[in-house]
Amino acid sequence: MAKRRANGEGNIRKRSDGRWEGRYTAGRAPVTGKVIYKNVLAKTQKECKEKLKRAIEENARVDAIRAEHGAILARVRAQEQVIEDLEAEHRQADGDFTRRKLEGINIVDAMSYEAYLRSLERKLHEEYYKLEKLRRMEEQKRTQVVEARKETATIEKLREHKLEDYRKAEQKDEEQRIEEFVSTTRAMAAMGI
């Protein structure tokens, strides 16, 4: 009976074309929520297990970077909301101050309104600075996510090319040994040995 693989290890099967296929869950689509499946193909079961393990590890690494990016993005959205609220508060206070000036306001109230508006402007300036800092962090993390995706694809292609080159070299060596054996056998037969 076949041995069951644990959750998160993917599954392996032999295809009708003779190759081995390893499938794993790469996550969920952000919009639809559907499960995203990916696969790796190999000539042998052992090679397929190794490729599948590497693919799952690489997917976990990229997922961790994506999660960090998502957390920073949430902080950016929260900071934008803070700024929006402060701007609304500033508009409201400025409108009240303008209305009260037209109605006639005493100097003490006018000075307190002005001080309040200045403090709101300082807070807005500080919050905009925080927002810019968060946006730079988000941009850096987004770049890391893109690089990780590129790196994953590039590394896998390099591994496949190296493996194919190794197999070709191995096949040439074997053909050369067979050719040497055949020529040696013919030479010995011609000499009568």
Protein backbone atom coordinates (compact mmCIF):
# COMPACT_ATOMS: atom_id res chain seq x y z
CA MET A 1 0.00 0.00 0.00
CA ALA A 2 1.26 3.49 -0.85
CA LYS A 3 2.56 5.69 1.94
CA ARG A 4 0.50 8.83 2.59
CA ARG A 5 2.21 12.18 2.42
CA ALA A 6 1.61 14.70 5.21
CA ASN A 7 -0.26 17.95 4.71
CA GLY A 8 1.88 20.53 2.93
CA GLU A 9 4.12 17.93 1.26
CA GLY A 10 2.21 17.87 -2.03
CA ASN A 11 1.57 14.68 -3.99
CA ILE A 12 3.49 12.65 -6.55
CA ARG A 13 2.19 10.49 -9.38
CA LYS A 14 3.48 8.82 -12.51
CA ARG A 15 1.96 10.27 -15.67
CA SER A 16 0.92 8.32 -18.74
CA ASP A 17 3.93 9.72 -20.65
CA GLY A 18 6.29 8.05 -18.14
CA ARG A 19 7.35 11.22 -16.35
CA TRP A 20 6.74 11.87 -12.65
CA GLU A 21 4.63 14.83 -11.59
CA GLY A 22 4.69 16.49 -8.20
CA ARG A 23 1.79 18.82 -7.37
CA TYR A 24 1.49 21.25 -4.48
CA THR A 25 -0.76 24.07 -3.30
CA ALA A 26 0.88 27.43 -3.96
CA GLY A 27 -1.75 29.49 -2.14
CA ARG A 28 -5.03 31.15 -3.03
CA ALA A 29 -5.92 33.71 -5.68
CA PRO A 30 -6.40 37.08 -3.95
CA VAL A 31 -9.56 38.05 -5.82
CA THR A 32 -11.44 34.76 -6.27
CA GLY A 33 -10.06 32.81 -3.32
CA LYS A 34 -9.56 29.73 -5.51
CA VAL A 35 -6.71 27.38 -4.67
CA ILE A 36 -3.63 27.76 -6.90
CA TYR A 37 -1.94 24.46 -7.77
CA LYS A 38 1.54 24.24 -9.24
CA ASN A 39 3.50 21.23 -10.43
CA VAL A 40 7.00 20.00 -11.15
CA LEU A 41 7.96 17.30 -13.65
CA ALA A 42 10.89 14.87 -13.55
CA LYS A 43 12.10 11.67 -15.17
CA THR A 44 12.48 9.75 -11.90
CA GLN A 45 10.46 9.60 -8.71
CA LYS A 46 13.47 10.55 -6.59
CA GLU A 47 14.20 13.59 -8.74
CA CYS A 48 10.52 14.55 -8.56
CA LYS A 49 10.55 14.36 -4.74
CA GLU A 50 13.61 16.62 -4.62
CA LYS A 51 12.13 19.13 -7.06
CA LEU A 52 8.83 19.12 -5.19
CA LYS A 53 10.55 19.73 -1.86
CA ARG A 54 12.58 22.64 -3.30
CA ALA A 55 9.48 24.14 -4.94
CA ILE A 56 7.50 23.99 -1.69
CA GLU A 57 10.37 25.56 0.28
CA GLU A 58 10.78 28.30 -2.31
CA ASN A 59 7.02 28.93 -2.32
CA ALA A 60 7.09 29.26 1.49
CA ARG A 61 9.93 31.78 1.25
CA VAL A 62 8.08 33.87 -1.33
CA ASP A 63 4.88 33.63 0.75
CA ALA A 64 6.72 34.98 3.80
CA ILE A 65 7.95 37.97 1.80
CA ARG A 66 4.43 38.51 0.42
CA ALA A 67 3.00 38.42 3.95
CA GLU A 68 5.50 41.05 5.08
CA HIS A 69 4.54 43.17 2.06
CA GLY A 70 0.85 42.75 2.92
CA ALA A 71 1.44 43.84 6.52
CA ILE A 72 3.28 46.98 5.39
CA LEU A 73 0.55 47.69 2.85
CA ALA A 74 -2.06 47.48 5.64
CA ARG A 75 -0.02 49.96 7.69
CA VAL A 76 0.08 52.33 4.67
CA ARG A 77 -3.72 52.12 4.34
CA ALA A 78 -4.15 52.78 8.08
CA GLN A 79 -1.81 55.78 7.88
CA GLU A 80 -3.75 57.15 4.91
CA GLN A 81 -6.93 56.86 6.99
CA VAL A 82 -5.30 58.74 9.88
CA ILE A 83 -4.32 61.55 7.50
CA GLU A 84 -7.79 61.64 5.96
CA ASP A 85 -9.36 61.96 9.42
CA LEU A 86 -6.95 64.73 10.44
CA GLU A 87 -7.64 66.62 7.21
CA ALA A 88 -11.40 66.35 7.81
CA GLU A 89 -10.91 67.61 11.36
CA HIS A 90 -8.79 70.50 10.06
CA ARG A 91 -11.40 71.44 7.44
CA GLN A 92 -14.14 71.32 10.08
CA ALA A 93 -12.18 73.49 12.55
CA ASP A 94 -11.17 75.94 9.81
CA GLY A 95 -14.80 76.22 8.66
CA ASP A 96 -15.96 76.83 12.23
CA PHE A 97 -13.24 79.46 12.72
CA THR A 98 -14.18 81.26 9.49
CA ARG A 99 -17.89 81.23 10.41
CA ARG A 100 -17.14 82.50 13.92
CA LYS A 101 -14.92 85.30 12.54
CA LEU A 102 -17.79 86.48 10.34
CA GLU A 103 -20.17 86.40 13.31
CA GLY A 104 -17.65 88.20 15.47
CA ILE A 105 -15.27 86.37 17.77
CA ASN A 106 -13.29 87.53 20.78
CA ILE A 107 -9.50 87.55 20.63
CA VAL A 108 -8.97 84.73 23.13
CA ASP A 109 -11.21 82.35 21.14
CA ALA A 110 -9.55 83.43 17.87
CA MET A 111 -6.10 82.73 19.29
CA SER A 112 -7.20 79.32 20.59
CA TYR A 113 -8.66 78.44 17.16
CA GLU A 114 -5.42 79.50 15.46
CA ALA A 115 -3.32 77.49 17.91
CA TYR A 116 -5.55 74.45 17.38
CA LEU A 117 -5.30 74.78 13.58
CA ARG A 118 -1.49 75.08 13.80
CA SER A 119 -1.29 71.97 15.99
CA LEU A 120 -3.43 70.08 13.48
CA GLU A 121 -1.14 71.23 10.67
CA ARG A 122 1.92 70.00 12.61
CA LYS A 123 0.23 66.65 13.21
CA LEU A 124 -0.64 66.43 9.52
CA HIS A 125 2.97 67.17 8.60
CA GLU A 126 4.21 64.43 10.96
CA GLU A 127 1.66 61.93 9.65
CA TYR A 128 2.59 62.70 6.02
CA TYR A 129 6.23 62.06 6.93
CA LYS A 130 5.27 58.70 8.46
CA LEU A 131 3.23 57.87 5.35
CA GLU A 132 6.17 58.59 3.04
CA LYS A 133 8.42 56.40 5.17
CA LEU A 134 5.86 53.55 5.04
CA ARG A 135 5.48 53.96 1.26
CA ARG A 136 9.24 53.63 0.81
CA MET A 137 9.21 50.48 2.95
CA GLU A 138 6.30 49.11 0.91
CA GLU A 139 8.13 49.82 -2.36
CA GLN A 140 11.24 48.01 -1.10
CA LYS A 141 9.18 45.01 -0.01
CA ARG A 142 7.32 44.93 -3.35
CA THR A 143 10.69 44.91 -5.13
CA GLN A 144 11.78 42.00 -2.92
CA VAL A 145 8.61 40.06 -3.83
CA VAL A 146 9.22 40.61 -7.55
CA GLU A 147 12.90 39.65 -7.22
CA ALA A 148 12.01 36.52 -5.24
CA ARG A 149 9.61 35.42 -7.98
CA LYS A 150 12.21 36.05 -10.68
CA GLU A 151 14.90 34.33 -8.64
CA THR A 152 12.72 31.27 -8.07
CA ALA A 153 12.01 30.88 -11.78
CA THR A 154 15.64 31.51 -12.75
CA ILE A 155 17.07 29.07 -10.20
CA GLU A 156 14.70 26.32 -11.32
CA LYS A 157 15.59 26.86 -14.99
CA LEU A 158 19.31 26.81 -14.16
CA ARG A 159 18.92 23.55 -12.24
CA GLU A 160 17.05 21.97 -15.14
CA HIS A 161 19.69 23.12 -17.66
CA LYS A 162 22.56 21.86 -15.47
CA LEU A 163 20.85 18.51 -15.00
CA GLU A 164 20.22 18.21 -18.73
CA ASP A 165 23.84 19.14 -19.54
CA TYR A 166 25.07 16.58 -17.00
CA ARG A 167 22.89 13.87 -18.53
CA LYS A 168 24.13 14.71 -22.03
CA ALA A 169 27.76 14.56 -20.88
CA GLU A 170 27.09 11.27 -19.10
CA GLN A 171 25.47 9.84 -22.23
CA LYS A 172 28.44 10.95 -24.39
CA ASP A 173 30.87 9.29 -21.96
CA GLU A 174 28.86 6.08 -22.06
CA GLU A 175 28.72 6.13 -25.87
CA GLN A 176 32.48 6.71 -26.00
CA ARG A 177 33.11 3.74 -23.64
CA ILE A 178 30.88 1.53 -25.76
CA GLU A 179 32.66 2.65 -28.93
CA GLU A 180 36.08 1.96 -27.35
CA PHE A 181 34.88 -1.47 -26.20
CA VAL A 182 33.55 -2.33 -29.69
CA SER A 183 36.72 -1.14 -31.44
CA THR A 184 38.92 -3.04 -28.94
CA THR A 185 36.82 -6.18 -29.43
CA ARG A 186 37.11 -5.87 -33.22
CA ALA A 187 40.86 -5.31 -33.03
CA MET A 188 41.28 -8.37 -30.79
CA ALA A 189 39.11 -10.44 -33.14
CA ALA A 190 41.19 -9.33 -36.13
CA MET A 191 44.37 -10.38 -34.34
CA GLY A 192 42.84 -13.67 -33.48
CA ILE A 193 42.93 -13.25 -29.72
